[in-house]
Amino acid sequence: MVSVTFFATILSMGLAVLAAPANFNNTSVVEARDNCDSTKSFCPKGDRGQCNPGVDGCMHIYYCEHIWSQGDCAHSYSWTGECRNIPAKFDNAISSIANENVDQSDCHWFDGADCTGAQYSNENDQNLADGNGWWNDRISSYRCDYHGPAS
């Protein structure tokens, strides 16, 4: 025979589980940013799903090993103002870049890890080998700064 205490315990646990998502969805941008797993290609938002680029401060960039978005390519998501190192596979091997949030952010590319060294500020460059070619195969890290939606 099951006791009333058992049912009360189960019922209270069920209510706690049902209540958890409401609190979880109220996660602030700062809390979500602090819980961002930089080893993954996305940052969570309040509901721990993939962030929507440009929303809640999550920026989306795209880069490729060859000009005109050819060869191996990757997407990367980072919180605004966060410095991200390029994964080893692409470190010093990028020839085209694109900021997918150009209307909301400015991206800065660096030739050193941890956003150090020379800086290149450009939102989209499909041929880093043109001009003097200095930035071709030199990017090691990046940071995107939020400036708000285009008016």
C-alpha atoms as a PDB file:
ATOM      1  CA  MET A   1       0.000   0.000   0.000  1.00  0.00           C
ATOM      2  CA  VAL A   2       1.304   3.457  -0.937  1.00  0.00           C
ATOM      3  CA  SER A   3       1.202   6.161   1.703  1.00  0.00           C
ATOM      4  CA  VAL A   4      -0.139   9.687   1.358  1.00  0.00           C
ATOM      5  CA  THR A   5       3.356  10.952   2.184  1.00  0.00           C
ATOM      6  CA  PHE A   6       4.725   9.115  -0.853  1.00  0.00           C
ATOM      7  CA  PHE A   7       2.160  10.777  -3.155  1.00  0.00           C
ATOM      8  CA  ALA A   8       2.844  14.166  -1.598  1.00  0.00           C
ATOM      9  CA  THR A   9       6.568  13.666  -2.177  1.00  0.00           C
ATOM     10  CA  ILE A  10       6.048  12.623  -5.808  1.00  0.00           C
ATOM     11  CA  LEU A  11       3.630  15.497  -6.385  1.00  0.00           C
ATOM     12  CA  SER A  12       6.034  18.058  -4.926  1.00  0.00           C
ATOM     13  CA  MET A  13       8.873  16.678  -7.047  1.00  0.00           C
ATOM     14  CA  GLY A  14       6.705  16.906 -10.144  1.00  0.00           C
ATOM     15  CA  LEU A  15       5.845  20.515  -9.426  1.00  0.00           C
ATOM     16  CA  ALA A  16       9.500  21.329  -8.893  1.00  0.00           C
ATOM     17  CA  VAL A  17      10.396  19.758 -12.231  1.00  0.00           C
ATOM     18  CA  LEU A  18       7.566  21.612 -13.953  1.00  0.00           C
ATOM     19  CA  ALA A  19       8.671  24.868 -12.364  1.00  0.00           C
ATOM     20  CA  ALA A  20      12.323  24.501 -13.349  1.00  0.00           C
ATOM     21  CA  PRO A  21      12.003  25.514 -17.013  1.00  0.00           C
ATOM     22  CA  ALA A  22      10.303  28.807 -16.112  1.00  0.00           C
ATOM     23  CA  ASN A  23      13.256  29.775 -13.939  1.00  0.00           C
ATOM     24  CA  PHE A  24      15.730  28.392 -16.457  1.00  0.00           C
ATOM     25  CA  ASN A  25      14.288  30.517 -19.283  1.00  0.00           C
ATOM     26  CA  ASN A  26      14.879  33.632 -17.224  1.00  0.00           C
ATOM     27  CA  THR A  27      18.634  33.130 -17.413  1.00  0.00           C
ATOM     28  CA  SER A  28      20.200  36.500 -18.038  1.00  0.00           C
ATOM     29  CA  VAL A  29      22.514  37.204 -20.947  1.00  0.00           C
ATOM     30  CA  VAL A  30      25.398  37.534 -18.492  1.00  0.00           C
ATOM     31  CA  GLU A  31      24.614  34.141 -16.926  1.00  0.00           C
ATOM     32  CA  ALA A  32      24.281  32.553 -20.367  1.00  0.00           C
ATOM     33  CA  ARG A  33      27.531  34.149 -21.524  1.00  0.00           C
ATOM     34  CA  ASP A  34      29.311  32.899 -18.436  1.00  0.00           C
ATOM     35  CA  ASN A  35      28.056  29.384 -19.207  1.00  0.00           C
ATOM     36  CA  CYS A  36      29.104  29.493 -22.867  1.00  0.00           C
ATOM     37  CA  ASP A  37      31.165  26.460 -23.783  1.00  0.00           C
ATOM     38  CA  SER A  38      33.871  27.917 -25.995  1.00  0.00           C
ATOM     39  CA  THR A  39      34.771  24.443 -27.238  1.00  0.00           C
ATOM     40  CA  LYS A  40      31.459  24.242 -29.089  1.00  0.00           C
ATOM     41  CA  SER A  41      30.419  26.140 -32.203  1.00  0.00           C
ATOM     42  CA  PHE A  42      27.516  27.876 -30.492  1.00  0.00           C
ATOM     43  CA  CYS A  43      26.712  29.795 -27.351  1.00  0.00           C
ATOM     44  CA  PRO A  44      23.601  28.965 -25.342  1.00  0.00           C
ATOM     45  CA  LYS A  45      20.911  31.501 -24.624  1.00  0.00           C
ATOM     46  CA  GLY A  46      18.491  31.389 -21.722  1.00  0.00           C
ATOM     47  CA  ASP A  47      16.800  28.182 -22.816  1.00  0.00           C
ATOM     48  CA  ARG A  48      20.203  26.562 -23.502  1.00  0.00           C
ATOM     49  CA  GLY A  49      19.426  26.248 -27.185  1.00  0.00           C
ATOM     50  CA  GLN A  50      21.629  27.522 -29.972  1.00  0.00           C
ATOM     51  CA  CYS A  51      21.784  31.287 -29.921  1.00  0.00           C
ATOM     52  CA  ASN A  52      20.255  33.287 -32.711  1.00  0.00           C
ATOM     53  CA  PRO A  53      23.060  35.389 -34.172  1.00  0.00           C
ATOM     54  CA  GLY A  54      22.688  39.024 -33.207  1.00  0.00           C
ATOM     55  CA  VAL A  55      20.207  38.241 -30.426  1.00  0.00           C
ATOM     56  CA  ASP A  56      21.228  38.305 -26.789  1.00  0.00           C
ATOM     57  CA  GLY A  57      24.704  39.402 -27.846  1.00  0.00           C
ATOM     58  CA  CYS A  58      25.648  36.269 -29.772  1.00  0.00           C
ATOM     59  CA  MET A  59      27.661  36.958 -32.930  1.00  0.00           C
ATOM     60  CA  HIS A  60      28.066  34.647 -35.940  1.00  0.00           C
ATOM     61  CA  ILE A  61      31.104  34.555 -38.202  1.00  0.00           C
ATOM     62  CA  TYR A  62      32.061  32.305 -41.090  1.00  0.00           C
ATOM     63  CA  TYR A  63      35.557  31.617 -42.405  1.00  0.00           C
ATOM     64  CA  CYS A  64      37.182  29.384 -44.997  1.00  0.00           C
ATOM     65  CA  GLU A  65      40.651  28.111 -45.783  1.00  0.00           C
ATOM     66  CA  HIS A  66      40.561  29.355 -49.391  1.00  0.00           C
ATOM     67  CA  ILE A  67      39.419  32.561 -51.094  1.00  0.00           C
ATOM     68  CA  TRP A  68      35.788  33.010 -52.168  1.00  0.00           C
ATOM     69  CA  SER A  69      34.554  30.728 -49.370  1.00  0.00           C
ATOM     70  CA  GLN A  70      36.156  27.640 -50.872  1.00  0.00           C
ATOM     71  CA  GLY A  71      37.809  24.650 -49.205  1.00  0.00           C
ATOM     72  CA  ASP A  72      37.014  23.733 -45.626  1.00  0.00           C
ATOM     73  CA  CYS A  73      34.859  26.321 -43.874  1.00  0.00           C
ATOM     74  CA  ALA A  74      33.530  26.773 -40.360  1.00  0.00           C
ATOM     75  CA  HIS A  75      30.919  28.768 -38.470  1.00  0.00           C
ATOM     76  CA  SER A  76      31.784  30.237 -35.114  1.00  0.00           C
ATOM     77  CA  TYR A  77      29.541  31.871 -32.530  1.00  0.00           C
ATOM     78  CA  SER A  78      30.756  34.092 -29.741  1.00  0.00           C
ATOM     79  CA  TRP A  79      29.355  36.581 -27.299  1.00  0.00           C
ATOM     80  CA  THR A  80      29.827  40.221 -28.208  1.00  0.00           C
ATOM     81  CA  GLY A  81      33.118  41.536 -26.898  1.00  0.00           C
ATOM     82  CA  GLU A  82      34.462  38.019 -26.316  1.00  0.00           C
ATOM     83  CA  CYS A  83      37.823  37.134 -27.799  1.00  0.00           C
ATOM     84  CA  ARG A  84      37.788  33.719 -29.483  1.00  0.00           C
ATOM     85  CA  ASN A  85      40.823  31.828 -30.700  1.00  0.00           C
ATOM     86  CA  ILE A  86      40.537  30.172 -34.095  1.00  0.00           C
ATOM     87  CA  PRO A  87      40.506  26.342 -33.859  1.00  0.00           C
ATOM     88  CA  ALA A  88      43.873  24.709 -34.631  1.00  0.00           C
ATOM     89  CA  LYS A  89      42.671  23.401 -38.001  1.00  0.00           C
ATOM     90  CA  PHE A  90      42.099  26.960 -39.245  1.00  0.00           C
ATOM     91  CA  ASP A  91      44.713  28.852 -37.226  1.00  0.00           C
ATOM     92  CA  ASN A  92      46.885  30.783 -39.691  1.00  0.00           C
ATOM     93  CA  ALA A  93      45.029  29.094 -42.553  1.00  0.00           C
ATOM     94  CA  ILE A  94      42.051  31.409 -43.280  1.00  0.00           C
ATOM     95  CA  SER A  95      41.703  33.107 -46.671  1.00  0.00           C
ATOM     96  CA  SER A  96      38.098  34.387 -46.532  1.00  0.00           C
ATOM     97  CA  ILE A  97      36.024  35.816 -43.676  1.00  0.00           C
ATOM     98  CA  ALA A  98      32.436  36.942 -43.180  1.00  0.00           C
ATOM     99  CA  ASN A  99      30.633  38.598 -40.286  1.00  0.00           C
ATOM    100  CA  GLU A 100      27.050  37.322 -40.515  1.00  0.00           C
ATOM    101  CA  ASN A 101      25.890  40.135 -38.176  1.00  0.00           C
ATOM    102  CA  VAL A 102      27.402  43.025 -40.113  1.00  0.00           C
ATOM    103  CA  ASP A 103      24.321  45.173 -39.421  1.00  0.00           C
ATOM    104  CA  GLN A 104      24.783  44.762 -35.652  1.00  0.00           C
ATOM    105  CA  SER A 105      28.482  44.275 -34.975  1.00  0.00           C
ATOM    106  CA  ASP A 106      32.020  45.107 -36.025  1.00  0.00           C
ATOM    107  CA  CYS A 107      34.564  42.281 -36.063  1.00  0.00           C
ATOM    108  CA  HIS A 108      38.274  42.578 -35.494  1.00  0.00           C
ATOM    109  CA  TRP A 109      40.711  39.869 -36.551  1.00  0.00           C
ATOM    110  CA  PHE A 110      44.111  39.365 -34.918  1.00  0.00           C
ATOM    111  CA  ASP A 111      47.307  37.645 -35.994  1.00  0.00           C
ATOM    112  CA  GLY A 112      48.040  36.504 -32.431  1.00  0.00           C
ATOM    113  CA  ALA A 113      46.140  34.260 -30.049  1.00  0.00           C
ATOM    114  CA  ASP A 114      43.908  35.882 -27.418  1.00  0.00           C
ATOM    115  CA  CYS A 115      43.276  38.934 -29.636  1.00  0.00           C
ATOM    116  CA  THR A 116      46.863  40.134 -29.559  1.00  0.00           C
ATOM    117  CA  GLY A 117      49.186  41.405 -32.236  1.00  0.00           C
ATOM    118  CA  ALA A 118      48.202  43.170 -35.432  1.00  0.00           C
ATOM    119  CA  GLN A 119      44.489  43.892 -35.880  1.00  0.00           C
ATOM    120  CA  TYR A 120      42.391  43.836 -39.049  1.00  0.00           C
ATOM    121  CA  SER A 121      38.920  45.382 -38.931  1.00  0.00           C
ATOM    122  CA  ASN A 122      36.796  44.155 -41.807  1.00  0.00           C
ATOM    123  CA  GLU A 123      33.354  42.581 -41.877  1.00  0.00           C
ATOM    124  CA  ASN A 124      33.622  40.615 -45.099  1.00  0.00           C
ATOM    125  CA  ASP A 125      36.699  39.836 -47.113  1.00  0.00           C
ATOM    126  CA  GLN A 126      36.375  36.984 -49.562  1.00  0.00           C
ATOM    127  CA  ASN A 127      39.977  37.263 -50.699  1.00  0.00           C
ATOM    128  CA  LEU A 128      42.531  37.923 -47.976  1.00  0.00           C
ATOM    129  CA  ALA A 129      45.252  37.171 -50.547  1.00  0.00           C
ATOM    130  CA  ASP A 130      44.505  40.259 -52.657  1.00  0.00           C
ATOM    131  CA  GLY A 131      46.100  43.666 -52.161  1.00  0.00           C
ATOM    132  CA  ASN A 132      49.326  43.084 -50.291  1.00  0.00           C
ATOM    133  CA  GLY A 133      48.020  39.705 -49.057  1.00  0.00           C
ATOM    134  CA  TRP A 134      49.312  40.347 -45.547  1.00  0.00           C
ATOM    135  CA  TRP A 135      46.228  38.899 -43.788  1.00  0.00           C
ATOM    136  CA  ASN A 136      46.060  35.734 -45.878  1.00  0.00           C
ATOM    137  CA  ASP A 137      46.730  32.718 -43.634  1.00  0.00           C
ATOM    138  CA  ARG A 138      47.525  34.948 -40.614  1.00  0.00           C
ATOM    139  CA  ILE A 139      44.336  35.073 -38.514  1.00  0.00           C
ATOM    140  CA  SER A 140      44.568  33.420 -35.087  1.00  0.00           C
ATOM    141  CA  SER A 141      41.745  35.060 -33.120  1.00  0.00           C
ATOM    142  CA  TYR A 142      38.811  37.457 -33.425  1.00  0.00           C
ATOM    143  CA  ARG A 143      36.446  39.656 -31.431  1.00  0.00           C
ATOM    144  CA  CYS A 144      33.113  41.137 -32.524  1.00  0.00           C
ATOM    145  CA  ASP A 145      31.755  44.254 -30.826  1.00  0.00           C
ATOM    146  CA  TYR A 146      28.017  44.942 -30.795  1.00  0.00           C
ATOM    147  CA  HIS A 147      26.898  48.345 -32.068  1.00  0.00           C
ATOM    148  CA  GLY A 148      23.135  47.706 -32.230  1.00  0.00           C
ATOM    149  CA  PRO A 149      20.731  47.114 -35.105  1.00  0.00           C
ATOM    150  CA  ALA A 150      21.008  49.162 -38.269  1.00  0.00           C
ATOM    151  CA  SER A 151      18.623  52.107 -38.259  1.00  0.00           C
END
